[in-house]
Amino acid sequence: GNSFGYMDHDGSEHFLEALGAAVRPGGGI
């Protein structure tokens, strides 16, 4: 739903880092 980009550059990086820690290896986004 076009939710990525709500935050600035640093916030977006932190969000992707959080996704990387939330999803198991081999899982997807």
PDB file of all heavy atoms in Angstrom:
ATOM      1  N   GLY A   1       0.784  -1.227   0.000  1.00  0.00           N
ATOM      2  CA  GLY A   1       0.000   0.000   0.000  1.00  0.00           C
ATOM      3  C   GLY A   1       0.814   1.274   0.000  1.00  0.00           C
ATOM      4  O   GLY A   1       0.385   2.291   0.551  1.00  0.00           O
ATOM      5  N   ASN A   2       2.019   1.241  -0.625  1.00  0.00           N
ATOM      6  CA  ASN A   2       2.831   2.447  -0.747  1.00  0.00           C
ATOM      7  C   ASN A   2       3.256   3.004   0.608  1.00  0.00           C
ATOM      8  O   ASN A   2       3.338   4.209   0.802  1.00  0.00           O
ATOM      9  CB  ASN A   2       2.082   3.524  -1.547  1.00  0.00           C
ATOM     10  CG  ASN A   2       3.027   4.601  -2.070  1.00  0.00           C
ATOM     11  OD1 ASN A   2       4.180   4.330  -2.368  1.00  0.00           O
ATOM     12  ND2 ASN A   2       2.527   5.818  -2.178  1.00  0.00           N
ATOM     13  N   SER A   3       3.535   2.106   1.561  1.00  0.00           N
ATOM     14  CA  SER A   3       3.912   2.543   2.908  1.00  0.00           C
ATOM     15  C   SER A   3       5.410   2.766   3.062  1.00  0.00           C
ATOM     16  O   SER A   3       5.834   3.481   3.970  1.00  0.00           O
ATOM     17  CB  SER A   3       3.456   1.500   3.939  1.00  0.00           C
ATOM     18  OG  SER A   3       2.067   1.307   3.874  1.00  0.00           O
ATOM     19  N   PHE A   4       6.223   2.138   2.209  1.00  0.00           N
ATOM     20  CA  PHE A   4       7.659   2.359   2.321  1.00  0.00           C
ATOM     21  C   PHE A   4       7.985   3.787   1.872  1.00  0.00           C
ATOM     22  O   PHE A   4       7.486   4.262   0.867  1.00  0.00           O
ATOM     23  CB  PHE A   4       8.435   1.358   1.459  1.00  0.00           C
ATOM     24  CG  PHE A   4       9.923   1.465   1.651  1.00  0.00           C
ATOM     25  CD1 PHE A   4      10.533   0.826   2.710  1.00  0.00           C
ATOM     26  CD2 PHE A   4      10.692   2.224   0.797  1.00  0.00           C
ATOM     27  CE1 PHE A   4      11.904   0.929   2.907  1.00  0.00           C
ATOM     28  CE2 PHE A   4      12.059   2.347   0.976  1.00  0.00           C
ATOM     29  CZ  PHE A   4      12.666   1.690   2.036  1.00  0.00           C
ATOM     30  N   GLY A   5       8.825   4.466   2.603  1.00  0.00           N
ATOM     31  CA  GLY A   5       9.162   5.850   2.295  1.00  0.00           C
ATOM     32  C   GLY A   5       8.528   6.839   3.240  1.00  0.00           C
ATOM     33  O   GLY A   5       8.727   8.052   3.116  1.00  0.00           O
ATOM     34  N   TYR A   6       7.725   6.346   4.219  1.00  0.00           N
ATOM     35  CA  TYR A   6       7.140   7.243   5.212  1.00  0.00           C
ATOM     36  C   TYR A   6       8.223   7.995   5.992  1.00  0.00           C
ATOM     37  O   TYR A   6       8.010   9.126   6.430  1.00  0.00           O
ATOM     38  CB  TYR A   6       6.298   6.452   6.225  1.00  0.00           C
ATOM     39  CG  TYR A   6       4.924   6.044   5.760  1.00  0.00           C
ATOM     40  CD1 TYR A   6       4.455   6.336   4.494  1.00  0.00           C
ATOM     41  CD2 TYR A   6       4.082   5.343   6.617  1.00  0.00           C
ATOM     42  CE1 TYR A   6       3.200   5.954   4.085  1.00  0.00           C
ATOM     43  CE2 TYR A   6       2.812   4.953   6.218  1.00  0.00           C
ATOM     44  CZ  TYR A   6       2.371   5.252   4.952  1.00  0.00           C
ATOM     45  OH  TYR A   6       1.114   4.864   4.573  1.00  0.00           O
ATOM     46  N   MET A   7       9.366   7.339   6.183  1.00  0.00           N
ATOM     47  CA  MET A   7      10.447   7.923   6.974  1.00  0.00           C
ATOM     48  C   MET A   7      11.560   8.424   6.072  1.00  0.00           C
ATOM     49  O   MET A   7      11.624   8.076   4.885  1.00  0.00           O
ATOM     50  CB  MET A   7      10.974   6.865   7.958  1.00  0.00           C
ATOM     51  CG  MET A   7       9.951   6.474   9.011  1.00  0.00           C
ATOM     52  SD  MET A   7      10.475   5.055  10.010  1.00  0.00           S
ATOM     53  CE  MET A   7      10.220   3.725   8.823  1.00  0.00           C
ATOM     54  N   ASP A   8      12.452   9.218   6.642  1.00  0.00           N
ATOM     55  CA  ASP A   8      13.576   9.729   5.870  1.00  0.00           C
ATOM     56  C   ASP A   8      14.577   8.604   5.610  1.00  0.00           C
ATOM     57  O   ASP A   8      14.323   7.429   5.912  1.00  0.00           O
ATOM     58  CB  ASP A   8      14.227  10.913   6.580  1.00  0.00           C
ATOM     59  CG  ASP A   8      14.813  10.545   7.944  1.00  0.00           C
ATOM     60  OD1 ASP A   8      14.888   9.347   8.279  1.00  0.00           O
ATOM     61  OD2 ASP A   8      15.185  11.469   8.687  1.00  0.00           O
ATOM     62  N   HIS A   9      15.736   8.949   5.052  1.00  0.00           N
ATOM     63  CA  HIS A   9      16.714   7.941   4.661  1.00  0.00           C
ATOM     64  C   HIS A   9      17.123   7.063   5.839  1.00  0.00           C
ATOM     65  O   HIS A   9      17.107   5.830   5.747  1.00  0.00           O
ATOM     66  CB  HIS A   9      17.949   8.626   4.060  1.00  0.00           C
ATOM     67  CG  HIS A   9      19.001   7.679   3.604  1.00  0.00           C
ATOM     68  ND1 HIS A   9      19.968   7.166   4.448  1.00  0.00           N
ATOM     69  CD2 HIS A   9      19.238   7.116   2.390  1.00  0.00           C
ATOM     70  CE1 HIS A   9      20.754   6.348   3.783  1.00  0.00           C
ATOM     71  NE2 HIS A   9      20.341   6.305   2.531  1.00  0.00           N
ATOM     72  N   ASP A  10      17.504   7.686   6.966  1.00  0.00           N
ATOM     73  CA  ASP A  10      17.951   6.907   8.117  1.00  0.00           C
ATOM     74  C   ASP A  10      16.831   6.017   8.661  1.00  0.00           C
ATOM     75  O   ASP A  10      17.058   4.849   8.988  1.00  0.00           O
ATOM     76  CB  ASP A  10      18.462   7.830   9.228  1.00  0.00           C
ATOM     77  CG  ASP A  10      19.775   8.499   8.869  1.00  0.00           C
ATOM     78  OD1 ASP A  10      20.446   8.028   7.924  1.00  0.00           O
ATOM     79  OD2 ASP A  10      20.127   9.496   9.524  1.00  0.00           O
ATOM     80  N   GLY A  11      15.635   6.571   8.760  1.00  0.00           N
ATOM     81  CA  GLY A  11      14.505   5.791   9.249  1.00  0.00           C
ATOM     82  C   GLY A  11      14.187   4.622   8.340  1.00  0.00           C
ATOM     83  O   GLY A  11      13.870   3.520   8.803  1.00  0.00           O
ATOM     84  N   SER A  12      14.268   4.837   7.026  1.00  0.00           N
ATOM     85  CA  SER A  12      14.018   3.757   6.070  1.00  0.00           C
ATOM     86  C   SER A  12      15.075   2.666   6.186  1.00  0.00           C
ATOM     87  O   SER A  12      14.763   1.465   6.104  1.00  0.00           O
ATOM     88  CB  SER A  12      13.988   4.310   4.642  1.00  0.00           C
ATOM     89  OG  SER A  12      12.946   5.253   4.488  1.00  0.00           O
ATOM     90  N   GLU A  13      16.328   3.058   6.387  1.00  0.00           N
ATOM     91  CA  GLU A  13      17.382   2.066   6.593  1.00  0.00           C
ATOM     92  C   GLU A  13      17.117   1.240   7.845  1.00  0.00           C
ATOM     93  O   GLU A  13      17.279   0.017   7.847  1.00  0.00           O
ATOM     94  CB  GLU A  13      18.742   2.753   6.704  1.00  0.00           C
ATOM     95  CG  GLU A  13      19.352   3.165   5.385  1.00  0.00           C
ATOM     96  CD  GLU A  13      20.794   3.571   5.540  1.00  0.00           C
ATOM     97  OE1 GLU A  13      21.181   4.054   6.638  1.00  0.00           O
ATOM     98  OE2 GLU A  13      21.564   3.407   4.560  1.00  0.00           O
ATOM     99  N   HIS A  14      16.709   1.906   8.916  1.00  0.00           N
ATOM    100  CA  HIS A  14      16.419   1.199  10.167  1.00  0.00           C
ATOM    101  C   HIS A  14      15.245   0.231   9.993  1.00  0.00           C
ATOM    102  O   HIS A  14      15.244  -0.868  10.566  1.00  0.00           O
ATOM    103  CB  HIS A  14      16.127   2.200  11.279  1.00  0.00           C
ATOM    104  CG  HIS A  14      17.312   3.004  11.687  1.00  0.00           C
ATOM    105  ND1 HIS A  14      17.217   4.230  12.326  1.00  0.00           N
ATOM    106  CD2 HIS A  14      18.650   2.782  11.539  1.00  0.00           C
ATOM    107  CE1 HIS A  14      18.423   4.715  12.551  1.00  0.00           C
ATOM    108  NE2 HIS A  14      19.300   3.852  12.073  1.00  0.00           N
ATOM    109  N   PHE A  15      14.256   0.631   9.201  1.00  0.00           N
ATOM    110  CA  PHE A  15      13.123  -0.258   8.941  1.00  0.00           C
ATOM    111  C   PHE A  15      13.574  -1.515   8.201  1.00  0.00           C
ATOM    112  O   PHE A  15      13.193  -2.634   8.556  1.00  0.00           O
ATOM    113  CB  PHE A  15      12.049   0.481   8.144  1.00  0.00           C
ATOM    114  CG  PHE A  15      10.921  -0.396   7.675  1.00  0.00           C
ATOM    115  CD1 PHE A  15      10.160  -1.120   8.584  1.00  0.00           C
ATOM    116  CD2 PHE A  15      10.631  -0.506   6.324  1.00  0.00           C
ATOM    117  CE1 PHE A  15       9.117  -1.948   8.153  1.00  0.00           C
ATOM    118  CE2 PHE A  15       9.597  -1.324   5.888  1.00  0.00           C
ATOM    119  CZ  PHE A  15       8.840  -2.047   6.807  1.00  0.00           C
ATOM    120  N   LEU A  16      14.409  -1.347   7.175  1.00  0.00           N
ATOM    121  CA  LEU A  16      14.893  -2.509   6.437  1.00  0.00           C
ATOM    122  C   LEU A  16      15.769  -3.392   7.316  1.00  0.00           C
ATOM    123  O   LEU A  16      15.728  -4.636   7.212  1.00  0.00           O
ATOM    124  CB  LEU A  16      15.663  -2.065   5.191  1.00  0.00           C
ATOM    125  CG  LEU A  16      14.829  -1.369   4.101  1.00  0.00           C
ATOM    126  CD1 LEU A  16      15.713  -0.967   2.931  1.00  0.00           C
ATOM    127  CD2 LEU A  16      13.690  -2.262   3.635  1.00  0.00           C
ATOM    128  N   GLU A  17      16.563  -2.788   8.183  1.00  0.00           N
ATOM    129  CA  GLU A  17      17.353  -3.575   9.134  1.00  0.00           C
ATOM    130  C   GLU A  17      16.435  -4.388  10.045  1.00  0.00           C
ATOM    131  O   GLU A  17      16.718  -5.556  10.346  1.00  0.00           O
ATOM    132  CB  GLU A  17      18.232  -2.653   9.974  1.00  0.00           C
ATOM    133  CG  GLU A  17      19.374  -2.004   9.195  1.00  0.00           C
ATOM    134  CD  GLU A  17      20.066  -0.917   9.992  1.00  0.00           C
ATOM    135  OE1 GLU A  17      19.689  -0.724  11.185  1.00  0.00           O
ATOM    136  OE2 GLU A  17      20.960  -0.259   9.439  1.00  0.00           O
ATOM    137  N   ALA A  18      15.333  -3.771  10.487  1.00  0.00           N
ATOM    138  CA  ALA A  18      14.376  -4.483  11.339  1.00  0.00           C
ATOM    139  C   ALA A  18      13.749  -5.654  10.589  1.00  0.00           C
ATOM    140  O   ALA A  18      13.589  -6.749  11.138  1.00  0.00           O
ATOM    141  CB  ALA A  18      13.291  -3.525  11.829  1.00  0.00           C
ATOM    142  N   LEU A  19      13.408  -5.450   9.302  1.00  0.00           N
ATOM    143  CA  LEU A  19      12.870  -6.545   8.509  1.00  0.00           C
ATOM    144  C   LEU A  19      13.893  -7.667   8.364  1.00  0.00           C
ATOM    145  O   LEU A  19      13.554  -8.859   8.425  1.00  0.00           O
ATOM    146  CB  LEU A  19      12.466  -6.053   7.115  1.00  0.00           C
ATOM    147  CG  LEU A  19      11.199  -5.216   6.990  1.00  0.00           C
ATOM    148  CD1 LEU A  19      10.931  -4.909   5.511  1.00  0.00           C
ATOM    149  CD2 LEU A  19       9.991  -5.917   7.593  1.00  0.00           C
ATOM    150  N   GLY A  20      15.171  -7.285   8.175  1.00  0.00           N
ATOM    151  CA  GLY A  20      16.218  -8.278   8.040  1.00  0.00           C
ATOM    152  C   GLY A  20      16.367  -9.141   9.281  1.00  0.00           C
ATOM    153  O   GLY A  20      16.727 -10.321   9.192  1.00  0.00           O
ATOM    154  N   ALA A  21      16.088  -8.559  10.446  1.00  0.00           N
ATOM    155  CA  ALA A  21      16.167  -9.310  11.698  1.00  0.00           C
ATOM    156  C   ALA A  21      14.884 -10.072  11.993  1.00  0.00           C
ATOM    157  O   ALA A  21      14.896 -11.053  12.739  1.00  0.00           O
ATOM    158  CB  ALA A  21      16.473  -8.364  12.855  1.00  0.00           C
ATOM    159  N   ALA A  22      13.762  -9.642  11.422  1.00  0.00           N
ATOM    160  CA  ALA A  22      12.466 -10.273  11.699  1.00  0.00           C
ATOM    161  C   ALA A  22      12.232 -11.513  10.850  1.00  0.00           C
ATOM    162  O   ALA A  22      11.535 -12.441  11.274  1.00  0.00           O
ATOM    163  CB  ALA A  22      11.339  -9.271  11.459  1.00  0.00           C
ATOM    164  N   VAL A  23      12.816 -11.543   9.636  1.00  0.00           N
ATOM    165  CA  VAL A  23      12.571 -12.632   8.692  1.00  0.00           C
ATOM    166  C   VAL A  23      13.696 -13.657   8.775  1.00  0.00           C
ATOM    167  O   VAL A  23      14.881 -13.306   8.814  1.00  0.00           O
ATOM    168  CB  VAL A  23      12.458 -12.074   7.257  1.00  0.00           C
ATOM    169  CG1 VAL A  23      12.313 -13.201   6.242  1.00  0.00           C
ATOM    170  CG2 VAL A  23      11.276 -11.119   7.162  1.00  0.00           C
ATOM    171  N   ARG A  24      13.345 -14.922   8.798  1.00  0.00           N
ATOM    172  CA  ARG A  24      14.331 -15.999   8.876  1.00  0.00           C
ATOM    173  C   ARG A  24      15.152 -16.070   7.590  1.00  0.00           C
ATOM    174  O   ARG A  24      14.679 -15.677   6.503  1.00  0.00           O
ATOM    175  CB  ARG A  24      13.631 -17.337   9.101  1.00  0.00           C
ATOM    176  CG  ARG A  24      12.734 -17.753   7.953  1.00  0.00           C
ATOM    177  CD  ARG A  24      12.286 -19.192   8.050  1.00  0.00           C
ATOM    178  NE  ARG A  24      11.353 -19.559   6.994  1.00  0.00           N
ATOM    179  CZ  ARG A  24      11.707 -19.868   5.744  1.00  0.00           C
ATOM    180  NH1 ARG A  24      12.985 -19.826   5.386  1.00  0.00           N
ATOM    181  NH2 ARG A  24      10.790 -20.207   4.845  1.00  0.00           N
ATOM    182  N   PRO A  25      16.380 -16.600   7.663  1.00  0.00           N
ATOM    183  CA  PRO A  25      17.148 -16.841   6.430  1.00  0.00           C
ATOM    184  C   PRO A  25      16.374 -17.746   5.483  1.00  0.00           C
ATOM    185  O   PRO A  25      15.793 -18.757   5.883  1.00  0.00           O
ATOM    186  CB  PRO A  25      18.418 -17.532   6.954  1.00  0.00           C
ATOM    187  CG  PRO A  25      18.567 -17.029   8.355  1.00  0.00           C
ATOM    188  CD  PRO A  25      17.155 -16.905   8.870  1.00  0.00           C
ATOM    189  N   GLY A  26      16.317 -17.364   4.233  1.00  0.00           N
ATOM    190  CA  GLY A  26      15.542 -18.091   3.241  1.00  0.00           C
ATOM    191  C   GLY A  26      14.131 -17.587   3.092  1.00  0.00           C
ATOM    192  O   GLY A  26      13.438 -17.935   2.131  1.00  0.00           O
ATOM    193  N   GLY A  27      13.674 -16.774   4.061  1.00  0.00           N
ATOM    194  CA  GLY A  27      12.362 -16.161   3.960  1.00  0.00           C
ATOM    195  C   GLY A  27      12.399 -14.972   3.017  1.00  0.00           C
ATOM    196  O   GLY A  27      13.463 -14.554   2.546  1.00  0.00           O
ATOM    197  N   GLY A  28      11.246 -14.404   2.741  1.00  0.00           N
ATOM    198  CA  GLY A  28      11.201 -13.335   1.756  1.00  0.00           C
ATOM    199  C   GLY A  28      10.375 -12.145   2.172  1.00  0.00           C
ATOM    200  O   GLY A  28       9.662 -12.179   3.177  1.00  0.00           O
ATOM    201  N   ILE A  29      10.495 -11.070   1.405  1.00  0.00           N
ATOM    202  CA  ILE A  29       9.708  -9.861   1.623  1.00  0.00           C
ATOM    203  C   ILE A  29       9.130  -9.377   0.301  1.00  0.00           C
ATOM    204  O   ILE A  29       9.655  -9.676  -0.778  1.00  0.00           O
ATOM    205  CB  ILE A  29      10.532  -8.720   2.253  1.00  0.00           C
ATOM    206  CG1 ILE A  29      11.685  -8.300   1.334  1.00  0.00           C
ATOM    207  CG2 ILE A  29      11.040  -9.122   3.633  1.00  0.00           C
ATOM    208  CD1 ILE A  29      12.404  -7.032   1.791  1.00  0.00           C
TER     209      ILE A  29
END
